[in-house]
Amino acid sequence: MPKPLKTVLAVLLIPLCFLAGLYAGPYATGAYYKLFPKPEYKTGDYSAIYRKAGHEIVMYSTAGCPYCAKVRKIFAEKGVAYTEYQVDKSKEHFEDFSRRGGKYVPLLYIGDREIAGFREQAIRDAIDEVQKKS
């Protein structure tokens, strides 16, 4: 292949590959998460949190969060007692939230599950598990 043709191909292919990556990247990310969805919750031993709170359901929230309000409605509907820490109103609660790796509210601890964000079915299932044990 002649050298000028190689140069032209290289000059054209590099930006084309870059643009293809920019265009296809979001679709590839979406496809990845469809094939390998993030888990709805993490399991663990959260008994120290419950001893401090006095309930087996704990929610880290903010006052204006619409998803936190939805969780409160679910708790009222299910008739469960819970402890709520509003991270925007207390430095201590915000630091505790951050120590736990909190990035999103609501951050919920229900039974042996940690649920980050509003995942309605996971929340309902966790509440049902806690109520079965009681």
N, C-alpha and C. Protein backbone atom coordinates (compact mmCIF):
# COMPACT_ATOMS: atom_id res chain seq x y z
N MET A 1 0.86 -1.16 0.00
CA MET A 1 0.00 0.00 0.00
C MET A 1 0.91 1.23 0.00
N PRO A 2 0.60 2.20 -0.86
CA PRO A 2 1.42 3.41 -0.94
C PRO A 2 1.33 4.22 0.36
N LYS A 3 2.42 4.90 0.69
CA LYS A 3 2.52 5.66 1.93
C LYS A 3 1.45 6.76 2.04
N PRO A 4 1.14 7.53 0.97
CA PRO A 4 0.10 8.56 1.10
C PRO A 4 -1.27 7.97 1.45
N LEU A 5 -1.56 6.79 0.92
CA LEU A 5 -2.84 6.14 1.22
C LEU A 5 -2.89 5.71 2.69
N LYS A 6 -1.78 5.20 3.23
CA LYS A 6 -1.71 4.83 4.64
C LYS A 6 -1.92 6.05 5.52
N THR A 7 -1.33 7.16 5.15
CA THR A 7 -1.46 8.40 5.93
C THR A 7 -2.91 8.88 5.92
N VAL A 8 -3.54 8.85 4.78
CA VAL A 8 -4.93 9.29 4.67
C VAL A 8 -5.83 8.38 5.50
N LEU A 9 -5.61 7.08 5.42
CA LEU A 9 -6.41 6.14 6.20
C LEU A 9 -6.23 6.37 7.70
N ALA A 10 -5.00 6.56 8.12
CA ALA A 10 -4.73 6.80 9.54
C ALA A 10 -5.40 8.08 10.01
N VAL A 11 -5.31 9.13 9.20
CA VAL A 11 -5.90 10.42 9.57
C VAL A 11 -7.43 10.31 9.63
N LEU A 12 -8.02 9.50 8.80
CA LEU A 12 -9.48 9.35 8.79
C LEU A 12 -9.96 8.34 9.84
N LEU A 13 -9.21 7.27 10.03
CA LEU A 13 -9.67 6.22 10.94
C LEU A 13 -9.64 6.64 12.40
N ILE A 14 -8.66 7.39 12.79
CA ILE A 14 -8.56 7.80 14.20
C ILE A 14 -9.78 8.62 14.61
N PRO A 15 -10.15 9.68 13.89
CA PRO A 15 -11.35 10.42 14.31
C PRO A 15 -12.64 9.60 14.16
N LEU A 16 -12.70 8.74 13.15
CA LEU A 16 -13.90 7.91 12.98
C LEU A 16 -14.08 6.95 14.16
N CYS A 17 -13.00 6.34 14.59
CA CYS A 17 -13.07 5.44 15.75
C CYS A 17 -13.45 6.21 17.01
N PHE A 18 -12.88 7.38 17.17
CA PHE A 18 -13.20 8.23 18.32
C PHE A 18 -14.69 8.59 18.34
N LEU A 19 -15.21 9.03 17.20
CA LEU A 19 -16.63 9.39 17.11
C LEU A 19 -17.54 8.18 17.32
N ALA A 20 -17.13 7.04 16.78
CA ALA A 20 -17.92 5.82 16.97
C ALA A 20 -17.97 5.46 18.46
N GLY A 21 -16.85 5.63 19.14
CA GLY A 21 -16.82 5.35 20.58
C GLY A 21 -17.71 6.30 21.36
N LEU A 22 -17.68 7.58 21.00
CA LEU A 22 -18.54 8.55 21.68
C LEU A 22 -20.01 8.23 21.46
N TYR A 23 -20.35 7.84 20.25
CA TYR A 23 -21.74 7.55 19.92
C TYR A 23 -22.20 6.23 20.54
N ALA A 24 -21.35 5.21 20.47
CA ALA A 24 -21.75 3.88 20.92
C ALA A 24 -21.57 3.67 22.42
N GLY A 25 -20.76 4.49 23.07
CA GLY A 25 -20.48 4.31 24.49
C GLY A 25 -21.71 4.23 25.37
N PRO A 26 -22.62 5.21 25.28
CA PRO A 26 -23.82 5.14 26.13
C PRO A 26 -24.68 3.89 25.86
N TYR A 27 -24.75 3.47 24.60
CA TYR A 27 -25.52 2.27 24.27
C TYR A 27 -24.85 1.02 24.84
N ALA A 28 -23.54 1.00 24.78
CA ALA A 28 -22.81 -0.15 25.34
C ALA A 28 -22.99 -0.22 26.85
N THR A 29 -22.97 0.94 27.52
CA THR A 29 -23.18 0.97 28.96
C THR A 29 -24.58 0.46 29.30
N GLY A 30 -25.57 0.94 28.57
CA GLY A 30 -26.95 0.49 28.79
C GLY A 30 -27.10 -1.01 28.58
N ALA A 31 -26.47 -1.52 27.54
CA ALA A 31 -26.55 -2.95 27.26
C ALA A 31 -25.87 -3.75 28.37
N TYR A 32 -24.75 -3.25 28.87
CA TYR A 32 -24.04 -3.93 29.95
C TYR A 32 -24.94 -4.05 31.18
N TYR A 33 -25.59 -2.94 31.57
CA TYR A 33 -26.43 -2.97 32.77
C TYR A 33 -27.71 -3.78 32.57
N LYS A 34 -28.14 -3.96 31.33
CA LYS A 34 -29.27 -4.87 31.09
C LYS A 34 -28.84 -6.32 31.26
N LEU A 35 -27.64 -6.62 30.81
CA LEU A 35 -27.13 -7.98 30.95
C LEU A 35 -26.69 -8.29 32.38
N PHE A 36 -26.09 -7.30 33.03
CA PHE A 36 -25.57 -7.48 34.39
C PHE A 36 -26.12 -6.38 35.30
N PRO A 37 -27.38 -6.48 35.70
CA PRO A 37 -27.98 -5.42 36.52
C PRO A 37 -27.32 -5.31 37.89
N LYS A 38 -27.33 -4.09 38.42
CA LYS A 38 -26.80 -3.87 39.76
C LYS A 38 -27.73 -4.58 40.75
N PRO A 39 -27.17 -5.11 41.83
CA PRO A 39 -28.03 -5.78 42.81
C PRO A 39 -28.97 -4.79 43.49
N GLU A 40 -30.14 -5.26 43.85
CA GLU A 40 -31.14 -4.42 44.49
C GLU A 40 -30.74 -4.04 45.91
N TYR A 41 -29.95 -4.90 46.55
CA TYR A 41 -29.55 -4.66 47.93
C TYR A 41 -28.30 -5.46 48.25
N LYS A 42 -27.67 -5.08 49.39
CA LYS A 42 -26.54 -5.84 49.93
C LYS A 42 -27.00 -6.48 51.23
N THR A 43 -26.50 -7.66 51.51
CA THR A 43 -26.83 -8.29 52.78
C THR A 43 -25.65 -8.18 53.73
N GLY A 44 -25.98 -8.19 55.00
CA GLY A 44 -24.94 -8.10 56.02
C GLY A 44 -25.53 -8.12 57.41
N ASP A 45 -24.66 -7.97 58.38
CA ASP A 45 -25.09 -7.91 59.78
C ASP A 45 -25.13 -6.44 60.19
N TYR A 46 -26.32 -5.91 60.34
CA TYR A 46 -26.51 -4.50 60.69
C TYR A 46 -27.04 -4.34 62.11
N SER A 47 -26.79 -5.32 62.95
CA SER A 47 -27.32 -5.30 64.31
C SER A 47 -26.82 -4.10 65.12
N ALA A 48 -25.61 -3.63 64.88
CA ALA A 48 -25.09 -2.46 65.60
C ALA A 48 -25.91 -1.21 65.28
N ILE A 49 -26.32 -1.08 64.04
CA ILE A 49 -27.16 0.06 63.64
C ILE A 49 -28.50 -0.02 64.37
N TYR A 50 -29.06 -1.22 64.43
CA TYR A 50 -30.38 -1.39 65.04
C TYR A 50 -30.34 -1.18 66.55
N ARG A 51 -29.27 -1.62 67.19
CA ARG A 51 -29.14 -1.38 68.64
C ARG A 51 -29.12 0.11 68.93
N LYS A 52 -28.36 0.86 68.13
CA LYS A 52 -28.27 2.30 68.34
C LYS A 52 -29.61 2.99 68.06
N ALA A 53 -30.29 2.54 67.01
CA ALA A 53 -31.54 3.18 66.58
C ALA A 53 -32.74 2.74 67.41
N GLY A 54 -32.73 1.52 67.89
CA GLY A 54 -33.87 1.02 68.64
C GLY A 54 -34.93 0.36 67.78
N HIS A 55 -34.72 0.29 66.47
CA HIS A 55 -35.64 -0.37 65.55
C HIS A 55 -34.85 -1.19 64.54
N GLU A 56 -35.52 -2.16 63.93
CA GLU A 56 -34.87 -2.99 62.93
C GLU A 56 -35.02 -2.41 61.53
N ILE A 57 -35.52 -1.21 61.45
CA ILE A 57 -35.61 -0.50 60.18
C ILE A 57 -35.07 0.91 60.40
N VAL A 58 -34.07 1.27 59.60
CA VAL A 58 -33.42 2.57 59.72
C VAL A 58 -33.35 3.20 58.33
N MET A 59 -33.66 4.50 58.27
CA MET A 59 -33.61 5.20 57.00
C MET A 59 -32.78 6.47 57.16
N TYR A 60 -31.80 6.64 56.27
CA TYR A 60 -31.08 7.89 56.14
C TYR A 60 -31.76 8.64 54.99
N SER A 61 -32.15 9.88 55.24
CA SER A 61 -32.94 10.62 54.27
C SER A 61 -32.55 12.09 54.27
N THR A 62 -33.22 12.84 53.40
CA THR A 62 -33.18 14.30 53.45
C THR A 62 -34.61 14.79 53.50
N ALA A 63 -34.78 16.01 53.99
CA ALA A 63 -36.13 16.54 54.18
C ALA A 63 -36.90 16.69 52.87
N GLY A 64 -36.24 17.11 51.81
CA GLY A 64 -36.95 17.39 50.56
C GLY A 64 -36.93 16.27 49.54
N CYS A 65 -36.45 15.12 49.91
CA CYS A 65 -36.32 14.01 48.95
C CYS A 65 -37.68 13.38 48.66
N PRO A 66 -38.13 13.41 47.38
CA PRO A 66 -39.43 12.82 47.06
C PRO A 66 -39.43 11.29 47.22
N TYR A 67 -38.31 10.65 47.00
CA TYR A 67 -38.25 9.19 47.16
C TYR A 67 -38.29 8.80 48.62
N CYS A 68 -37.71 9.64 49.47
CA CYS A 68 -37.79 9.39 50.92
C CYS A 68 -39.25 9.48 51.37
N ALA A 69 -39.98 10.43 50.80
CA ALA A 69 -41.41 10.57 51.12
C ALA A 69 -42.17 9.31 50.70
N LYS A 70 -41.82 8.75 49.56
CA LYS A 70 -42.48 7.51 49.11
C LYS A 70 -42.19 6.36 50.08
N VAL A 71 -40.95 6.30 50.57
CA VAL A 71 -40.60 5.24 51.53
C VAL A 71 -41.39 5.43 52.82
N ARG A 72 -41.52 6.68 53.27
CA ARG A 72 -42.32 6.95 54.49
C ARG A 72 -43.75 6.46 54.31
N LYS A 73 -44.31 6.66 53.11
CA LYS A 73 -45.68 6.19 52.83
C LYS A 73 -45.76 4.66 52.88
N ILE A 74 -44.74 4.00 52.35
CA ILE A 74 -44.71 2.53 52.40
C ILE A 74 -44.65 2.07 53.85
N PHE A 75 -43.81 2.73 54.66
CA PHE A 75 -43.70 2.37 56.07
C PHE A 75 -45.04 2.57 56.78
N ALA A 76 -45.74 3.67 56.48
CA ALA A 76 -47.04 3.93 57.10
C ALA A 76 -48.06 2.87 56.66
N GLU A 77 -48.04 2.56 55.37
CA GLU A 77 -48.95 1.56 54.82
C GLU A 77 -48.73 0.19 55.47
N LYS A 78 -47.47 -0.17 55.68
CA LYS A 78 -47.15 -1.46 56.28
C LYS A 78 -47.23 -1.44 57.81
N GLY A 79 -47.33 -0.23 58.39
CA GLY A 79 -47.44 -0.11 59.84
C GLY A 79 -46.18 -0.50 60.58
N VAL A 80 -45.03 -0.12 60.05
CA VAL A 80 -43.76 -0.49 60.69
C VAL A 80 -43.16 0.69 61.45
N ALA A 81 -42.50 0.36 62.54
CA ALA A 81 -41.77 1.37 63.31
C ALA A 81 -40.36 1.45 62.73
N TYR A 82 -39.84 2.65 62.62
CA TYR A 82 -38.51 2.83 62.06
C TYR A 82 -37.86 4.07 62.66
N THR A 83 -36.56 4.16 62.48
CA THR A 83 -35.81 5.33 62.90
C THR A 83 -35.33 6.03 61.64
N GLU A 84 -35.51 7.33 61.61
CA GLU A 84 -35.09 8.11 60.44
C GLU A 84 -34.03 9.12 60.86
N TYR A 85 -32.96 9.14 60.11
CA TYR A 85 -31.90 10.12 60.31
C TYR A 85 -31.86 11.03 59.09
N GLN A 86 -32.15 12.32 59.29
CA GLN A 86 -32.11 13.26 58.18
C GLN A 86 -30.71 13.84 58.08
N VAL A 87 -30.01 13.46 57.04
CA VAL A 87 -28.60 13.81 56.90
C VAL A 87 -28.37 15.28 56.55
N ASP A 88 -29.42 15.95 56.10
CA ASP A 88 -29.26 17.38 55.79
C ASP A 88 -29.54 18.27 57.00
N LYS A 89 -29.94 17.68 58.09
CA LYS A 89 -30.25 18.48 59.28
C LYS A 89 -29.31 18.20 60.45
N SER A 90 -28.43 17.22 60.31
CA SER A 90 -27.54 16.86 61.41
C SER A 90 -26.17 16.49 60.87
N LYS A 91 -25.16 17.18 61.36
CA LYS A 91 -23.80 16.88 60.93
C LYS A 91 -23.41 15.46 61.35
N GLU A 92 -23.81 15.06 62.55
CA GLU A 92 -23.50 13.72 63.04
C GLU A 92 -24.11 12.65 62.14
N HIS A 93 -25.37 12.84 61.75
CA HIS A 93 -26.03 11.86 60.89
C HIS A 93 -25.41 11.86 59.49
N PHE A 94 -25.03 13.04 59.01
CA PHE A 94 -24.37 13.10 57.69
C PHE A 94 -23.05 12.36 57.72
N GLU A 95 -22.28 12.53 58.79
CA GLU A 95 -20.99 11.84 58.90
C GLU A 95 -21.19 10.33 58.98
N ASP A 96 -22.20 9.90 59.72
CA ASP A 96 -22.51 8.47 59.82
C ASP A 96 -22.92 7.93 58.45
N PHE A 97 -23.76 8.68 57.75
CA PHE A 97 -24.20 8.33 56.40
C PHE A 97 -22.99 8.19 55.47
N SER A 98 -22.08 9.13 55.53
CA SER A 98 -20.88 9.10 54.69
C SER A 98 -19.97 7.92 55.04
N ARG A 99 -19.82 7.64 56.32
CA ARG A 99 -19.00 6.50 56.77
C ARG A 99 -19.55 5.19 56.21
N ARG A 100 -20.83 5.12 56.06
CA ARG A 100 -21.46 3.90 55.55
C ARG A 100 -21.41 3.83 54.03
N GLY A 101 -20.75 4.80 53.41
CA GLY A 101 -20.64 4.80 51.95
C GLY A 101 -21.86 5.37 51.28
N GLY A 102 -22.67 6.11 52.03
CA GLY A 102 -23.89 6.68 51.47
C GLY A 102 -23.61 7.68 50.37
N LYS A 103 -24.25 7.47 49.24
CA LYS A 103 -24.16 8.40 48.12
C LYS A 103 -25.55 8.89 47.74
N TYR A 104 -26.54 8.05 47.98
CA TYR A 104 -27.91 8.34 47.59
C TYR A 104 -28.83 8.20 48.79
N VAL A 105 -29.88 9.00 48.79
CA VAL A 105 -30.95 8.80 49.76
C VAL A 105 -32.17 8.36 48.98
N PRO A 106 -33.01 7.58 49.58
CA PRO A 106 -32.89 7.02 50.90
C PRO A 106 -31.84 5.90 50.94
N LEU A 107 -31.18 5.81 52.08
CA LEU A 107 -30.30 4.68 52.38
C LEU A 107 -31.00 3.93 53.51
N LEU A 108 -31.40 2.71 53.22
CA LEU A 108 -32.23 1.94 54.15
C LEU A 108 -31.51 0.71 54.67
N TYR A 109 -31.75 0.44 55.93
CA TYR A 109 -31.31 -0.79 56.56
C TYR A 109 -32.56 -1.47 57.09
N ILE A 110 -32.88 -2.60 56.48
CA ILE A 110 -34.09 -3.34 56.85
C ILE A 110 -33.69 -4.80 57.01
N GLY A 111 -33.74 -5.29 58.24
CA GLY A 111 -33.33 -6.67 58.50
C GLY A 111 -31.86 -6.86 58.15
N ASP A 112 -31.59 -7.82 57.28
CA ASP A 112 -30.20 -8.07 56.89
C ASP A 112 -29.85 -7.40 55.56
N ARG A 113 -30.63 -6.39 55.16
CA ARG A 113 -30.43 -5.76 53.86
C ARG A 113 -30.12 -4.28 53.96
N GLU A 114 -29.20 -3.85 53.10
CA GLU A 114 -28.92 -2.43 52.91
C GLU A 114 -29.41 -2.09 51.51
N ILE A 115 -30.33 -1.14 51.42
CA ILE A 115 -30.92 -0.77 50.14
C ILE A 115 -30.58 0.70 49.89
N ALA A 116 -29.82 0.96 48.84
CA ALA A 116 -29.42 2.33 48.49
C ALA A 116 -30.31 2.82 47.36
N GLY A 117 -31.02 3.90 47.61
CA GLY A 117 -31.93 4.44 46.61
C GLY A 117 -33.32 3.85 46.75
N PHE A 118 -34.24 4.36 45.95
CA PHE A 118 -35.63 3.91 46.02
C PHE A 118 -35.82 2.71 45.11
N ARG A 119 -35.94 1.55 45.70
CA ARG A 119 -36.22 0.31 44.99
C ARG A 119 -37.43 -0.31 45.67
N GLU A 120 -38.59 0.08 45.17
CA GLU A 120 -39.84 -0.22 45.86
C GLU A 120 -40.03 -1.70 46.17
N GLN A 121 -39.84 -2.56 45.20
CA GLN A 121 -40.09 -3.98 45.45
C GLN A 121 -39.10 -4.55 46.46
N ALA A 122 -37.85 -4.13 46.38
CA ALA A 122 -36.84 -4.61 47.35
C ALA A 122 -37.20 -4.13 48.76
N ILE A 123 -37.70 -2.91 48.88
CA ILE A 123 -38.10 -2.37 50.18
C ILE A 123 -39.27 -3.16 50.74
N ARG A 124 -40.29 -3.39 49.92
CA ARG A 124 -41.46 -4.15 50.36
C ARG A 124 -41.08 -5.59 50.76
N ASP A 125 -40.22 -6.21 49.97
CA ASP A 125 -39.80 -7.59 50.29
C ASP A 125 -39.04 -7.63 51.60
N ALA A 126 -38.15 -6.65 51.83
CA ALA A 126 -37.36 -6.61 53.08
C ALA A 126 -38.28 -6.40 54.28
N ILE A 127 -39.26 -5.53 54.15
CA ILE A 127 -40.21 -5.30 55.24
C ILE A 127 -40.98 -6.57 55.55
N ASP A 128 -41.41 -7.27 54.49
CA ASP A 128 -42.14 -8.52 54.69
C ASP A 128 -41.27 -9.55 55.44
N GLU A 129 -39.98 -9.62 55.10
CA GLU A 129 -39.08 -10.54 55.80
C GLU A 129 -38.95 -10.19 57.28
N VAL A 130 -38.83 -8.91 57.58
CA VAL A 130 -38.72 -8.47 58.97
C VAL A 130 -40.02 -8.78 59.73
N GLN A 131 -41.16 -8.54 59.08
CA GLN A 131 -42.44 -8.80 59.75
C GLN A 131 -42.68 -10.28 59.96
N LYS A 132 -42.16 -11.15 59.08
CA LYS A 132 -42.29 -12.59 59.28
C LYS A 132 -41.54 -13.04 60.53
N LYS A 133 -40.37 -12.44 60.77
CA LYS A 133 -39.56 -12.80 61.93
C LYS A 133 -40.17 -12.36 63.25
N SER A 134 -40.98 -11.30 63.20
CA SER A 134 -41.57 -10.77 64.44
C SER A 134 -42.71 -11.60 64.96
